[in-house]
């Protein structure tokens, strides 16, 4: 495969409610940050990918209103509706096509201006399922219960994910929620939908992020060494929840398998130095451990109990605090990728993993992790 790497990154601070900033303001901020990080100007950008969603923005053709903010006037531009890691994947493919030397990818959301339960209810089948009132929380609670029943995973093990990631967030100045918690704190927090509690869930978040991809020739103009994409894979499962085994994630197994094969990885627990994975709810991190091959099926809870994924463990997971500390929907997967870039560069400051050379970024689309995208990034 030809080489494509990230030469510039930018993020806003993630907050519960950005009162004084519009979508345009946030996109402009991260575009300028990514260009400054790369040492490039907007004239060095060949094409742009925006990531947005009409439901979340509350307007039709939501991508059009931010195109000036990311400097896309008179440039080739495309739009992705989905998690930011899919926008990043599309941006990388544009460079690998040979038609472009650089691609700017931007994602934004102001979840504070939306009604999450109504929007995520609309992702379900309108004939049979939507009328039941399912949304992101209740459907995820069903998956969490199926996972617990299938493998004997406990609420305490879910809670340990929340404790770990909220503590990690204390070293991330951009995180929205950074807390010192105990397992008991999580188990005593308000019940949302059995078995998920308030501290098992990611917060409502506003924010934006951007990355700049470059091929080898274009990367020579950047002021920092690129972090290269070593492997990538994506795969989707069935749409209807009843057609899936919610306790397992075969789509993630397939996506990770593709990425690992491309990157030459056959033992991810040993060959990866850090992983940033999409943990919209605490149980997801344990499930995704299994789908990513960090442990056998049903072994996510034991891996957590053993401390393997803690800072200082064999494979730190979500040093940034993950989605549990900030979850601007559509932006979250791109944030995971940016965190991997910072780790490989050695620029992650207080959350830096020692001697990090290979990192994994992960994002999802659809209810209960219907679709997964996995990227392996490295020096």
Protein backbone atom coordinates (compact mmCIF):
# COMPACT_ATOMS: atom_id res chain seq x y z
CA UNK A 1 0.00 0.00 0.00
CA UNK A 2 1.14 3.55 -0.68
CA UNK A 3 1.86 5.58 2.42
CA UNK A 4 -0.61 8.03 3.93
CA UNK A 5 -0.06 9.71 7.28
CA UNK A 6 -1.43 12.40 9.57
CA UNK A 7 0.65 15.58 9.71
CA UNK A 8 -1.72 17.90 11.59
CA UNK A 9 -4.37 17.61 14.31
CA UNK A 10 -6.67 20.00 16.16
CA UNK A 11 -9.41 19.74 18.81
CA UNK A 12 -11.59 22.11 20.76
CA UNK A 13 -12.02 21.71 24.48
CA UNK A 14 -14.97 19.37 25.02
CA UNK A 15 -17.74 20.98 27.09
CA UNK A 16 -21.31 20.38 28.20
CA UNK A 17 -22.56 23.48 26.43
CA UNK A 18 -20.68 25.89 24.18
CA UNK A 19 -23.01 28.86 24.46
CA UNK A 20 -20.92 31.43 22.61
CA UNK A 21 -19.65 29.28 19.74
CA UNK A 22 -21.51 28.29 16.59
CA UNK A 23 -20.80 25.24 14.43
CA UNK A 24 -18.85 27.60 12.15
CA UNK A 25 -16.73 28.90 15.05
CA UNK A 26 -15.77 25.40 16.22
CA UNK A 27 -14.83 24.22 12.73
CA UNK A 28 -12.75 27.31 12.11
CA UNK A 29 -10.92 26.80 15.42
CA UNK A 30 -9.90 23.21 14.75
CA UNK A 31 -9.02 23.90 11.11
CA UNK A 32 -6.60 26.65 12.16
CA UNK A 33 -5.17 24.43 14.90
CA UNK A 34 -4.59 21.51 12.51
CA UNK A 35 -2.94 23.76 9.91
CA UNK A 36 -0.71 25.36 12.56
CA UNK A 37 0.19 21.93 13.92
CA UNK A 38 1.22 20.80 10.44
CA UNK A 39 2.99 24.04 9.54
CA UNK A 40 0.81 24.33 6.44
CA UNK A 41 -1.63 26.88 5.03
CA UNK A 42 -5.07 26.29 3.58
CA UNK A 43 -3.50 26.60 0.12
CA UNK A 44 -1.61 23.37 0.85
CA UNK A 45 -4.88 21.46 1.28
CA UNK A 46 -6.12 19.71 -1.86
CA UNK A 47 -9.54 18.54 -0.67
CA UNK A 48 -11.80 18.52 2.38
CA UNK A 49 -14.03 15.97 4.12
CA UNK A 50 -16.69 17.24 6.53
CA UNK A 51 -18.46 15.00 9.05
CA UNK A 52 -21.94 16.12 10.11
CA UNK A 53 -25.55 14.99 10.51
CA UNK A 54 -28.78 16.84 9.75
CA UNK A 55 -30.56 15.36 12.78
CA UNK A 56 -27.90 16.50 15.24
CA UNK A 57 -27.44 19.92 13.62
CA UNK A 58 -31.16 20.55 13.28
CA UNK A 59 -30.85 21.69 9.67
CA UNK A 60 -30.82 20.11 6.23
CA UNK A 61 -27.62 19.65 4.24
CA UNK A 62 -25.72 20.43 7.43
CA UNK A 63 -22.31 20.11 5.80
CA UNK A 64 -22.82 23.13 3.55
CA UNK A 65 -22.92 25.67 6.40
CA UNK A 66 -19.41 24.85 7.68
CA UNK A 67 -17.59 24.60 4.36
CA UNK A 68 -16.31 28.18 4.39
CA UNK A 69 -15.12 27.70 7.99
CA UNK A 70 -12.78 24.88 6.93
CA UNK A 71 -11.44 26.70 3.87
CA UNK A 72 -13.10 24.49 1.28
CA UNK A 73 -14.06 27.24 -1.15
CA UNK A 74 -12.89 26.28 -4.64
CA UNK A 75 -11.74 22.88 -3.39
CA UNK A 76 -12.98 19.34 -3.94
CA UNK A 77 -15.20 18.49 -0.94
CA UNK A 78 -17.18 15.48 0.25
CA UNK A 79 -19.32 14.75 3.30
CA UNK A 80 -19.57 11.77 5.64
CA UNK A 81 -22.61 11.22 7.87
CA UNK A 82 -21.38 9.03 10.68
CA UNK A 83 -18.62 8.74 13.24
CA UNK A 84 -15.50 10.80 12.63
CA UNK A 85 -13.24 7.80 12.19
CA UNK A 86 -15.19 6.97 9.02
CA UNK A 87 -14.56 10.51 7.80
CA UNK A 88 -10.88 9.98 8.52
CA UNK A 89 -10.96 6.67 6.64
CA UNK A 90 -12.57 8.35 3.62
CA UNK A 91 -10.02 11.16 3.78
CA UNK A 92 -7.14 8.68 3.76
CA UNK A 93 -8.68 6.89 0.77
CA UNK A 94 -8.85 10.19 -1.14
CA UNK A 95 -5.09 10.56 -0.73
CA UNK A 96 -4.43 6.91 -1.56
CA UNK A 97 -6.44 7.32 -4.78
CA UNK A 98 -3.53 9.32 -6.14
CA UNK A 99 -5.75 12.27 -6.99
CA UNK A 100 -4.83 14.36 -3.97
CA UNK A 101 -1.69 14.99 -1.91
CA UNK A 102 -3.47 16.24 1.21
CA UNK A 103 -6.91 15.96 2.78
CA UNK A 104 -8.40 17.95 5.65
CA UNK A 105 -11.05 16.08 7.69
CA UNK A 106 -13.27 18.04 10.09
CA UNK A 107 -16.08 16.90 12.40
CA UNK A 108 -18.36 18.84 14.73
CA UNK A 109 -21.39 18.48 16.98
CA UNK A 110 -23.31 20.44 19.60
CA UNK A 111 -25.18 17.68 21.37
CA UNK A 112 -26.43 20.25 23.88
CA UNK A 113 -28.74 21.67 21.20
CA UNK A 114 -30.25 18.28 20.37
CA UNK A 115 -32.58 15.73 21.93
CA UNK A 116 -30.53 12.57 22.06
CA UNK A 117 -33.38 10.19 22.83
CA UNK A 118 -35.49 11.40 19.89
CA UNK A 119 -32.57 11.42 17.46
CA UNK A 120 -31.26 7.99 18.40
CA UNK A 121 -34.80 6.58 18.44
CA UNK A 122 -34.98 7.55 14.76
CA UNK A 123 -32.09 5.22 13.89
CA UNK A 124 -34.36 2.20 14.46
CA UNK A 125 -36.73 0.54 12.03
CA UNK A 126 -39.84 2.77 11.73
CA UNK A 127 -42.33 -0.08 11.32
CA UNK A 128 -41.52 -2.56 14.08
CA UNK A 129 -38.98 -1.07 16.49
CA UNK A 130 -39.13 2.71 16.69
CA UNK A 131 -42.58 2.75 18.32
CA UNK A 132 -41.15 0.75 21.25
CA UNK A 133 -39.21 3.85 22.27
CA UNK A 134 -35.75 2.34 21.91
CA UNK A 135 -32.89 4.81 21.84
CA UNK A 136 -29.12 4.70 22.35
CA UNK A 137 -29.44 4.18 26.10
CA UNK A 138 -32.17 1.55 26.23
CA UNK A 139 -30.78 -0.47 23.31
CA UNK A 140 -27.32 -0.40 24.88
CA UNK A 141 -28.83 -1.56 28.18
CA UNK A 142 -30.27 -4.55 26.33
CA UNK A 143 -26.84 -5.31 24.91
CA UNK A 144 -25.16 -4.90 28.29
CA UNK A 145 -27.62 -7.35 29.86
CA UNK A 146 -27.15 -9.86 27.01
CA UNK A 147 -23.37 -9.60 27.49
CA UNK A 148 -23.65 -10.12 31.26
CA UNK A 149 -25.93 -13.13 30.85
CA UNK A 150 -23.79 -14.75 28.17
CA UNK A 151 -20.44 -14.53 29.97
CA UNK A 152 -21.07 -13.76 33.63
CA UNK A 153 -19.73 -10.21 33.34
CA UNK A 154 -20.62 -8.12 36.41
CA UNK A 155 -21.77 -4.55 37.02
CA UNK A 156 -18.63 -4.11 39.14
CA UNK A 157 -16.46 -4.87 36.11
CA UNK A 158 -18.38 -2.29 34.07
CA UNK A 159 -17.86 0.19 36.90
CA UNK A 160 -14.08 -0.36 36.85
CA UNK A 161 -14.04 0.94 33.26
CA UNK A 162 -15.71 4.14 34.40
CA UNK A 163 -13.33 4.53 37.32
CA UNK A 164 -10.30 4.03 35.05
CA UNK A 165 -11.35 6.35 32.25
CA UNK A 166 -12.60 9.20 34.42
CA UNK A 167 -9.30 9.08 36.30
CA UNK A 168 -7.33 9.07 33.04
CA UNK A 169 -9.25 12.17 31.96
CA UNK A 170 -7.59 14.13 34.78
CA UNK A 171 -4.47 14.20 32.59
CA UNK A 172 -6.37 15.45 29.53
CA UNK A 173 -6.92 19.24 29.58
CA UNK A 174 -9.53 18.94 26.80
CA UNK A 175 -11.70 16.40 28.64
CA UNK A 176 -15.16 17.40 29.82
CA UNK A 177 -15.45 15.17 32.90
CA UNK A 178 -12.44 14.15 35.00
CA UNK A 179 -13.23 12.47 38.30
CA UNK A 180 -11.79 10.39 41.08
CA UNK A 181 -14.42 7.66 41.44
CA UNK A 182 -14.82 4.36 43.24
CA UNK A 183 -16.70 1.33 42.02
CA UNK A 184 -19.27 2.07 44.71
CA UNK A 185 -19.77 5.60 43.34
CA UNK A 186 -20.64 4.17 39.94
CA UNK A 187 -22.96 1.49 41.33
CA UNK A 188 -24.81 4.06 43.45
CA UNK A 189 -25.30 6.56 40.62
CA UNK A 190 -28.77 7.04 39.12
CA UNK A 191 -30.17 4.10 37.14
CA UNK A 192 -30.75 5.02 33.48
CA UNK A 193 -31.87 1.67 32.05
CA UNK A 194 -31.04 -1.57 33.82
CA UNK A 195 -28.15 -2.40 34.18
CA UNK A 196 -26.66 0.95 33.04
CA UNK A 197 -26.25 3.82 35.50
CA UNK A 198 -25.40 7.46 35.02
CA UNK A 199 -21.66 6.96 35.54
CA UNK A 200 -21.70 4.06 33.05
CA UNK A 201 -22.74 6.49 30.31
CA UNK A 202 -20.92 9.15 28.31
CA UNK A 203 -21.98 12.78 28.79
CA UNK A 204 -23.73 15.24 26.49
CA UNK A 205 -20.87 17.08 24.80
CA UNK A 206 -20.14 19.92 22.37
CA UNK A 207 -16.90 19.93 20.39
CA UNK A 208 -15.04 19.61 17.10
CA UNK A 209 -11.86 18.02 15.74
CA UNK A 210 -9.73 17.99 12.59
CA UNK A 211 -6.88 16.00 11.03
CA UNK A 212 -4.75 16.50 7.94
CA UNK A 213 -3.70 13.49 5.88
CA UNK A 214 -0.74 13.64 3.48
CA UNK A 215 1.08 11.35 1.09
CA UNK A 216 4.86 11.00 1.27
CA UNK A 217 5.60 13.89 -1.05
CA UNK A 218 3.20 16.30 0.64
CA UNK A 219 4.32 15.21 4.12
CA UNK A 220 7.80 16.57 3.41
CA UNK A 221 6.36 20.09 3.60
CA UNK A 222 4.95 19.53 7.10
CA UNK A 223 6.93 20.62 10.16
CA UNK A 224 6.37 17.35 12.03
CA UNK A 225 7.03 13.76 11.05
CA UNK A 226 3.83 12.06 9.90
CA UNK A 227 2.15 9.32 11.87
CA UNK A 228 1.45 6.70 9.22
CA UNK A 229 -1.63 4.57 8.76
CA UNK A 230 -0.32 1.01 9.02
CA UNK A 231 -3.64 -0.79 8.63
CA UNK A 232 -7.37 -0.17 8.46
CA UNK A 233 -10.53 -2.26 8.39
CA UNK A 234 -14.27 -1.71 8.69
CA UNK A 235 -17.28 -4.01 8.76
CA UNK A 236 -20.99 -3.83 9.54
CA UNK A 237 -23.41 -6.22 11.25
CA UNK A 238 -27.17 -6.64 10.69
CA UNK A 239 -29.40 -3.60 11.13
CA UNK A 240 -32.21 -5.26 13.10
CA UNK A 241 -31.17 -6.02 16.67
CA UNK A 242 -33.15 -9.27 16.56
CA UNK A 243 -30.95 -10.52 13.74
CA UNK A 244 -27.80 -10.15 15.85
CA UNK A 245 -26.22 -11.81 18.87
CA UNK A 246 -25.87 -8.69 20.99
CA UNK A 247 -23.36 -10.34 23.34
CA UNK A 248 -20.78 -10.62 20.56
CA UNK A 249 -19.28 -8.28 17.95
CA UNK A 250 -18.36 -10.24 14.82
CA UNK A 251 -18.20 -7.02 12.78
CA UNK A 252 -15.43 -5.75 15.07
CA UNK A 253 -13.61 -9.08 14.82
CA UNK A 254 -13.72 -8.72 11.02
CA UNK A 255 -12.70 -5.05 10.97
CA UNK A 256 -9.82 -5.63 13.37
CA UNK A 257 -8.69 -8.68 11.43
CA UNK A 258 -8.40 -6.63 8.24
CA UNK A 259 -6.48 -3.85 9.98
CA UNK A 260 -4.13 -6.27 11.73
CA UNK A 261 -3.39 -8.21 8.54
CA UNK A 262 -2.49 -4.98 6.74
CA UNK A 263 -0.31 -3.82 9.65
CA UNK A 264 1.40 -7.17 10.18
CA UNK A 265 -0.03 -7.65 13.66
CA UNK A 266 -0.78 -11.16 14.90
CA UNK A 267 -0.69 -10.54 18.67
CA UNK A 268 -2.37 -7.18 19.34
CA UNK A 269 -2.00 -7.35 23.11
CA UNK A 270 1.78 -7.50 22.70
CA UNK A 271 2.31 -5.52 19.50
CA UNK A 272 0.11 -2.51 20.26
CA UNK A 273 1.39 0.11 22.70
CA UNK A 274 -1.89 1.93 23.29
CA UNK A 275 -5.53 1.78 22.18
CA UNK A 276 -8.20 4.48 22.04
CA UNK A 277 -11.57 2.78 21.65
CA UNK A 278 -15.17 4.00 21.52
CA UNK A 279 -16.67 3.58 24.99
CA UNK A 280 -20.01 5.40 24.82
CA UNK A 281 -21.02 3.11 27.72
CA UNK A 282 -18.72 1.34 30.14
CA UNK A 283 -19.68 -2.21 29.09
CA UNK A 284 -18.67 -1.46 25.50
CA UNK A 285 -15.00 -1.19 26.37
CA UNK A 286 -15.03 -4.74 27.75
CA UNK A 287 -16.89 -6.09 24.71
CA UNK A 288 -14.55 -4.32 22.32
CA UNK A 289 -11.50 -5.81 24.11
CA UNK A 290 -12.79 -9.17 22.93
CA UNK A 291 -13.65 -8.08 19.39
CA UNK A 292 -10.21 -6.47 19.04
CA UNK A 293 -8.50 -9.70 20.09
CA UNK A 294 -7.04 -8.39 23.34
CA UNK A 295 -8.52 -11.39 25.16
CA UNK A 296 -10.70 -14.45 24.45
CA UNK A 297 -14.46 -14.14 24.00
CA UNK A 298 -16.01 -13.46 27.39
CA UNK A 299 -12.66 -12.42 28.85
CA UNK A 300 -13.13 -8.64 28.87
CA UNK A 301 -14.03 -8.48 32.55
CA UNK A 302 -11.04 -10.56 33.59
CA UNK A 303 -8.72 -8.38 31.49
CA UNK A 304 -10.04 -5.32 33.30
CA UNK A 305 -9.71 -7.01 36.71
CA UNK A 306 -6.07 -7.88 35.94
CA UNK A 307 -5.18 -4.22 35.32
CA UNK A 308 -3.84 -4.90 31.83
CA UNK A 309 -5.56 -1.86 30.31
CA UNK A 310 -4.71 0.61 33.08
CA UNK A 311 -2.06 3.28 32.64
CA UNK A 312 1.11 1.35 33.34
CA UNK A 313 -0.48 -1.94 32.23
CA UNK A 314 0.60 -4.03 29.25
CA UNK A 315 -1.85 -2.22 26.94
CA UNK A 316 -3.24 1.09 28.23
CA UNK A 317 -6.71 1.73 26.83
CA UNK A 318 -8.22 5.21 26.62
CA UNK A 319 -5.48 7.24 28.35
CA UNK A 320 -7.44 10.30 27.17
CA UNK A 321 -10.46 9.34 29.25
CA UNK A 322 -12.32 8.01 26.21
CA UNK A 323 -15.91 8.81 25.36
CA UNK A 324 -16.90 8.44 29.01
CA UNK A 325 -15.09 11.72 29.67
CA UNK A 326 -16.34 13.53 26.53
CA UNK A 327 -18.56 12.30 23.72
CA UNK A 328 -19.34 14.82 21.02
CA UNK A 329 -21.22 12.42 18.74
CA UNK A 330 -19.65 12.19 15.24
CA UNK A 331 -16.45 13.74 16.63
CA UNK A 332 -15.60 10.98 19.11
CA UNK A 333 -13.93 8.54 16.72
CA UNK A 334 -11.83 11.32 15.21
CA UNK A 335 -10.79 12.30 18.73
CA UNK A 336 -9.67 8.70 19.33
CA UNK A 337 -7.51 8.90 16.20
CA UNK A 338 -6.03 12.25 17.25
CA UNK A 339 -5.13 10.83 20.65
CA UNK A 340 -3.28 7.99 18.90
CA UNK A 341 -1.34 10.50 16.81
CA UNK A 342 -0.35 12.44 19.93
CA UNK A 343 0.74 9.22 21.65
CA UNK A 344 2.94 8.10 18.73
CA UNK A 345 4.47 11.58 18.49
CA UNK A 346 5.19 11.56 22.22
CA UNK A 347 3.04 14.70 22.69
CA UNK A 348 0.38 13.33 25.03
CA UNK A 349 1.89 15.08 28.08
CA UNK A 350 0.57 13.70 31.39
CA UNK A 351 -1.24 10.84 29.68
CA UNK A 352 1.75 9.79 27.57
CA UNK A 353 2.41 6.05 27.25
CA UNK A 354 6.14 5.32 27.40
CA UNK A 355 7.90 4.30 24.16
CA UNK A 356 4.70 4.38 22.12
CA UNK A 357 5.26 3.52 18.46
CA UNK A 358 2.05 1.71 17.47
CA UNK A 359 -1.47 2.78 18.41
CA UNK A 360 -5.01 1.63 17.63
CA UNK A 361 -7.98 3.93 17.05
CA UNK A 362 -11.56 2.64 16.94
CA UNK A 363 -14.99 4.08 16.17
CA UNK A 364 -18.52 2.78 15.72
CA UNK A 365 -21.72 3.57 13.84
CA UNK A 366 -25.26 2.39 14.44
CA UNK A 367 -27.05 0.91 17.44
CA UNK A 368 -25.08 -1.37 19.76
CA UNK A 369 -21.93 -1.16 17.66
CA UNK A 370 -23.56 -2.21 14.39
CA UNK A 371 -20.54 -1.04 12.38
CA UNK A 372 -16.89 -0.77 13.40
CA UNK A 373 -13.81 0.92 11.94
CA UNK A 374 -10.29 0.16 13.20
CA UNK A 375 -7.09 2.03 12.32
CA UNK A 376 -3.55 1.08 13.30
CA UNK A 377 -1.22 4.07 13.35
CA UNK A 378 2.54 4.11 13.76
CA UNK A 379 5.88 5.78 13.19
